[in-house]
Amino acid sequence: MEPLFKSLVRDALQKARAKHGRQLTPHESYAVLLEEVDEFWDLVRSYSGSDPPHIRLSCLISMLEELSQIGAMAQRAAEDVILPRLEALNCQHDSVKVEFRARD
Protein backbone atom coordinates (compact mmCIF):
# COMPACT_ATOMS: atom_id res chain seq x y z
CA MET A 1 0.00 0.00 0.00
CA GLU A 2 1.27 3.46 -0.91
CA PRO A 3 1.98 5.82 2.02
CA LEU A 4 -0.76 8.42 2.54
CA PHE A 5 1.29 11.54 1.82
CA LYS A 6 2.82 10.06 -1.33
CA SER A 7 -0.67 9.17 -2.51
CA LEU A 8 -1.93 12.71 -1.79
CA VAL A 9 0.96 14.22 -3.75
CA ARG A 10 0.33 11.87 -6.68
CA ASP A 11 -3.37 12.78 -6.72
CA ALA A 12 -2.65 16.51 -6.49
CA LEU A 13 -0.13 16.21 -9.32
CA GLN A 14 -2.61 14.40 -11.57
CA LYS A 15 -5.34 16.99 -10.88
CA ALA A 16 -2.99 19.91 -11.51
CA ARG A 17 -1.69 18.47 -14.78
CA ALA A 18 -5.23 17.73 -16.00
CA LYS A 19 -6.42 21.22 -15.12
CA HIS A 20 -3.38 23.37 -16.00
CA GLY A 21 -1.13 21.33 -18.29
CA ARG A 22 2.62 21.74 -18.12
CA GLN A 23 4.50 24.52 -16.39
CA LEU A 24 6.55 26.45 -18.89
CA THR A 25 9.15 28.52 -17.05
CA PRO A 26 11.03 28.63 -13.74
CA HIS A 27 9.20 31.90 -13.01
CA GLU A 28 5.82 30.19 -13.40
CA SER A 29 6.95 27.32 -11.19
CA TYR A 30 8.11 29.74 -8.52
CA ALA A 31 4.84 31.67 -8.60
CA VAL A 32 2.76 28.51 -8.26
CA LEU A 33 4.92 27.20 -5.40
CA LEU A 34 4.80 30.57 -3.64
CA GLU A 35 1.01 30.62 -3.85
CA GLU A 36 0.79 27.14 -2.31
CA VAL A 37 3.29 28.01 0.45
CA ASP A 38 1.33 31.20 1.22
CA GLU A 39 -1.86 29.15 1.55
CA PHE A 40 -0.08 26.78 3.93
CA TRP A 41 1.28 29.74 5.91
CA ASP A 42 -2.24 31.18 6.27
CA LEU A 43 -3.34 27.89 7.81
CA VAL A 44 -0.31 27.75 10.12
CA ARG A 45 -1.07 31.24 11.41
CA SER A 46 -4.72 30.38 12.01
CA TYR A 47 -3.94 27.16 13.89
CA SER A 48 -4.36 27.26 17.64
CA GLY A 49 -3.84 24.36 19.98
CA SER A 50 -6.56 25.83 22.18
CA ASP A 51 -9.26 25.56 19.49
CA PRO A 52 -11.90 22.85 19.88
CA PRO A 53 -10.75 19.45 18.54
CA HIS A 54 -13.00 19.57 15.46
CA ILE A 55 -11.51 22.95 14.44
CA ARG A 56 -7.96 21.67 14.96
CA LEU A 57 -8.74 18.53 12.97
CA SER A 58 -10.12 20.54 10.07
CA CYS A 59 -7.12 22.87 10.06
CA LEU A 60 -4.61 19.99 10.20
CA ILE A 61 -6.34 18.21 7.32
CA SER A 62 -6.22 21.45 5.30
CA MET A 63 -2.51 21.81 6.12
CA LEU A 64 -1.87 18.29 4.89
CA GLU A 65 -3.73 19.07 1.67
CA GLU A 66 -1.65 22.22 1.13
CA LEU A 67 1.58 20.32 1.84
CA SER A 68 0.61 17.69 -0.72
CA GLN A 69 -0.01 20.46 -3.25
CA ILE A 70 3.39 21.97 -2.46
CA GLY A 71 4.97 18.56 -3.07
CA ALA A 72 3.05 18.16 -6.32
CA MET A 73 4.03 21.62 -7.55
CA ALA A 74 7.67 20.97 -6.71
CA GLN A 75 7.50 17.76 -8.72
CA ARG A 76 5.84 19.63 -11.62
CA ALA A 77 8.59 22.24 -11.53
CA ALA A 78 11.27 19.56 -11.64
CA GLU A 79 9.63 17.41 -14.33
CA ASP A 80 8.10 20.14 -16.52
CA VAL A 81 10.75 22.86 -16.31
CA ILE A 82 14.09 21.95 -14.76
CA LEU A 83 14.81 18.42 -16.00
CA PRO A 84 13.93 19.21 -19.66
CA ARG A 85 16.30 22.18 -19.52
CA LEU A 86 19.06 20.00 -18.09
CA GLU A 87 18.44 17.48 -20.88
CA ALA A 88 18.64 20.29 -23.44
CA LEU A 89 22.08 21.10 -22.05
CA ASN A 90 23.02 17.44 -22.56
CA CYS A 91 23.23 16.79 -18.82
CA GLN A 92 22.64 13.21 -17.89
CA HIS A 93 20.51 12.56 -14.82
CA ASP A 94 23.27 10.41 -13.31
CA SER A 95 25.76 13.26 -13.60
CA VAL A 96 23.29 15.56 -11.88
CA LYS A 97 22.90 13.05 -9.05
CA VAL A 98 26.67 12.79 -8.73
CA GLU A 99 26.95 16.58 -8.59
CA PHE A 100 24.26 16.75 -5.88
CA ARG A 101 26.06 14.08 -3.86
CA ALA A 102 29.34 15.98 -4.16
CA ARG A 103 27.69 19.09 -2.64
CA ASP A 104 26.55 17.24 0.50
C-alpha atoms as a PDB file:
ATOM      1  CA  MET A   1       0.000   0.000   0.000  1.00  0.00           C
ATOM      2  CA  GLU A   2       1.274   3.457  -0.908  1.00  0.00           C
ATOM      3  CA  PRO A   3       1.984   5.820   2.024  1.00  0.00           C
ATOM      4  CA  LEU A   4      -0.759   8.417   2.545  1.00  0.00           C
ATOM      5  CA  PHE A   5       1.294  11.536   1.824  1.00  0.00           C
ATOM      6  CA  LYS A   6       2.822  10.061  -1.329  1.00  0.00           C
ATOM      7  CA  SER A   7      -0.673   9.171  -2.506  1.00  0.00           C
ATOM      8  CA  LEU A   8      -1.927  12.708  -1.787  1.00  0.00           C
ATOM      9  CA  VAL A   9       0.964  14.223  -3.755  1.00  0.00           C
ATOM     10  CA  ARG A  10       0.327  11.868  -6.675  1.00  0.00           C
ATOM     11  CA  ASP A  11      -3.372  12.776  -6.721  1.00  0.00           C
ATOM     12  CA  ALA A  12      -2.655  16.512  -6.487  1.00  0.00           C
ATOM     13  CA  LEU A  13      -0.132  16.207  -9.316  1.00  0.00           C
ATOM     14  CA  GLN A  14      -2.613  14.402 -11.569  1.00  0.00           C
ATOM     15  CA  LYS A  15      -5.336  16.993 -10.882  1.00  0.00           C
ATOM     16  CA  ALA A  16      -2.993  19.915 -11.511  1.00  0.00           C
ATOM     17  CA  ARG A  17      -1.690  18.471 -14.776  1.00  0.00           C
ATOM     18  CA  ALA A  18      -5.228  17.732 -15.997  1.00  0.00           C
ATOM     19  CA  LYS A  19      -6.424  21.225 -15.125  1.00  0.00           C
ATOM     20  CA  HIS A  20      -3.384  23.373 -16.002  1.00  0.00           C
ATOM     21  CA  GLY A  21      -1.131  21.332 -18.288  1.00  0.00           C
ATOM     22  CA  ARG A  22       2.618  21.740 -18.118  1.00  0.00           C
ATOM     23  CA  GLN A  23       4.496  24.516 -16.386  1.00  0.00           C
ATOM     24  CA  LEU A  24       6.551  26.452 -18.891  1.00  0.00           C
ATOM     25  CA  THR A  25       9.154  28.522 -17.046  1.00  0.00           C
ATOM     26  CA  PRO A  26      11.028  28.627 -13.745  1.00  0.00           C
ATOM     27  CA  HIS A  27       9.199  31.898 -13.006  1.00  0.00           C
ATOM     28  CA  GLU A  28       5.820  30.192 -13.398  1.00  0.00           C
ATOM     29  CA  SER A  29       6.951  27.321 -11.187  1.00  0.00           C
ATOM     30  CA  TYR A  30       8.108  29.742  -8.516  1.00  0.00           C
ATOM     31  CA  ALA A  31       4.838  31.674  -8.596  1.00  0.00           C
ATOM     32  CA  VAL A  32       2.759  28.509  -8.261  1.00  0.00           C
ATOM     33  CA  LEU A  33       4.917  27.203  -5.405  1.00  0.00           C
ATOM     34  CA  LEU A  34       4.804  30.568  -3.642  1.00  0.00           C
ATOM     35  CA  GLU A  35       1.013  30.617  -3.853  1.00  0.00           C
ATOM     36  CA  GLU A  36       0.792  27.144  -2.305  1.00  0.00           C
ATOM     37  CA  VAL A  37       3.287  28.015   0.449  1.00  0.00           C
ATOM     38  CA  ASP A  38       1.326  31.198   1.219  1.00  0.00           C
ATOM     39  CA  GLU A  39      -1.864  29.151   1.548  1.00  0.00           C
ATOM     40  CA  PHE A  40      -0.075  26.780   3.933  1.00  0.00           C
ATOM     41  CA  TRP A  41       1.277  29.739   5.911  1.00  0.00           C
ATOM     42  CA  ASP A  42      -2.244  31.177   6.270  1.00  0.00           C
ATOM     43  CA  LEU A  43      -3.337  27.886   7.813  1.00  0.00           C
ATOM     44  CA  VAL A  44      -0.313  27.753  10.116  1.00  0.00           C
ATOM     45  CA  ARG A  45      -1.070  31.241  11.408  1.00  0.00           C
ATOM     46  CA  SER A  46      -4.721  30.376  12.008  1.00  0.00           C
ATOM     47  CA  TYR A  47      -3.941  27.156  13.893  1.00  0.00           C
ATOM     48  CA  SER A  48      -4.359  27.259  17.641  1.00  0.00           C
ATOM     49  CA  GLY A  49      -3.838  24.363  19.977  1.00  0.00           C
ATOM     50  CA  SER A  50      -6.559  25.832  22.184  1.00  0.00           C
ATOM     51  CA  ASP A  51      -9.260  25.560  19.493  1.00  0.00           C
ATOM     52  CA  PRO A  52     -11.898  22.850  19.883  1.00  0.00           C
ATOM     53  CA  PRO A  53     -10.749  19.453  18.539  1.00  0.00           C
ATOM     54  CA  HIS A  54     -13.001  19.565  15.459  1.00  0.00           C
ATOM     55  CA  ILE A  55     -11.505  22.946  14.444  1.00  0.00           C
ATOM     56  CA  ARG A  56      -7.957  21.672  14.957  1.00  0.00           C
ATOM     57  CA  LEU A  57      -8.736  18.532  12.971  1.00  0.00           C
ATOM     58  CA  SER A  58     -10.123  20.541  10.073  1.00  0.00           C
ATOM     59  CA  CYS A  59      -7.120  22.867  10.059  1.00  0.00           C
ATOM     60  CA  LEU A  60      -4.611  19.994  10.199  1.00  0.00           C
ATOM     61  CA  ILE A  61      -6.339  18.214   7.319  1.00  0.00           C
ATOM     62  CA  SER A  62      -6.221  21.448   5.300  1.00  0.00           C
ATOM     63  CA  MET A  63      -2.513  21.815   6.121  1.00  0.00           C
ATOM     64  CA  LEU A  64      -1.871  18.286   4.894  1.00  0.00           C
ATOM     65  CA  GLU A  65      -3.725  19.067   1.670  1.00  0.00           C
ATOM     66  CA  GLU A  66      -1.646  22.219   1.127  1.00  0.00           C
ATOM     67  CA  LEU A  67       1.577  20.325   1.844  1.00  0.00           C
ATOM     68  CA  SER A  68       0.605  17.694  -0.720  1.00  0.00           C
ATOM     69  CA  GLN A  69      -0.012  20.464  -3.247  1.00  0.00           C
ATOM     70  CA  ILE A  70       3.394  21.975  -2.465  1.00  0.00           C
ATOM     71  CA  GLY A  71       4.971  18.562  -3.067  1.00  0.00           C
ATOM     72  CA  ALA A  72       3.052  18.156  -6.320  1.00  0.00           C
ATOM     73  CA  MET A  73       4.028  21.624  -7.549  1.00  0.00           C
ATOM     74  CA  ALA A  74       7.672  20.975  -6.705  1.00  0.00           C
ATOM     75  CA  GLN A  75       7.496  17.760  -8.721  1.00  0.00           C
ATOM     76  CA  ARG A  76       5.842  19.626 -11.617  1.00  0.00           C
ATOM     77  CA  ALA A  77       8.594  22.244 -11.530  1.00  0.00           C
ATOM     78  CA  ALA A  78      11.268  19.558 -11.642  1.00  0.00           C
ATOM     79  CA  GLU A  79       9.627  17.414 -14.333  1.00  0.00           C
ATOM     80  CA  ASP A  80       8.105  20.139 -16.518  1.00  0.00           C
ATOM     81  CA  VAL A  81      10.746  22.856 -16.307  1.00  0.00           C
ATOM     82  CA  ILE A  82      14.093  21.952 -14.757  1.00  0.00           C
ATOM     83  CA  LEU A  83      14.807  18.420 -16.001  1.00  0.00           C
ATOM     84  CA  PRO A  84      13.932  19.213 -19.656  1.00  0.00           C
ATOM     85  CA  ARG A  85      16.302  22.183 -19.518  1.00  0.00           C
ATOM     86  CA  LEU A  86      19.058  19.997 -18.089  1.00  0.00           C
ATOM     87  CA  GLU A  87      18.443  17.480 -20.877  1.00  0.00           C
ATOM     88  CA  ALA A  88      18.636  20.288 -23.438  1.00  0.00           C
ATOM     89  CA  LEU A  89      22.076  21.098 -22.052  1.00  0.00           C
ATOM     90  CA  ASN A  90      23.022  17.437 -22.559  1.00  0.00           C
ATOM     91  CA  CYS A  91      23.231  16.794 -18.824  1.00  0.00           C
ATOM     92  CA  GLN A  92      22.638  13.207 -17.885  1.00  0.00           C
ATOM     93  CA  HIS A  93      20.508  12.564 -14.819  1.00  0.00           C
ATOM     94  CA  ASP A  94      23.272  10.406 -13.313  1.00  0.00           C
ATOM     95  CA  SER A  95      25.758  13.263 -13.596  1.00  0.00           C
ATOM     96  CA  VAL A  96      23.287  15.561 -11.877  1.00  0.00           C
ATOM     97  CA  LYS A  97      22.896  13.045  -9.048  1.00  0.00           C
ATOM     98  CA  VAL A  98      26.670  12.790  -8.730  1.00  0.00           C
ATOM     99  CA  GLU A  99      26.951  16.583  -8.590  1.00  0.00           C
ATOM    100  CA  PHE A 100      24.257  16.745  -5.880  1.00  0.00           C
ATOM    101  CA  ARG A 101      26.058  14.075  -3.861  1.00  0.00           C
ATOM    102  CA  ALA A 102      29.342  15.983  -4.158  1.00  0.00           C
ATOM    103  CA  ARG A 103      27.688  19.088  -2.644  1.00  0.00           C
ATOM    104  CA  ASP A 104      26.552  17.243   0.502  1.00  0.00           C
END
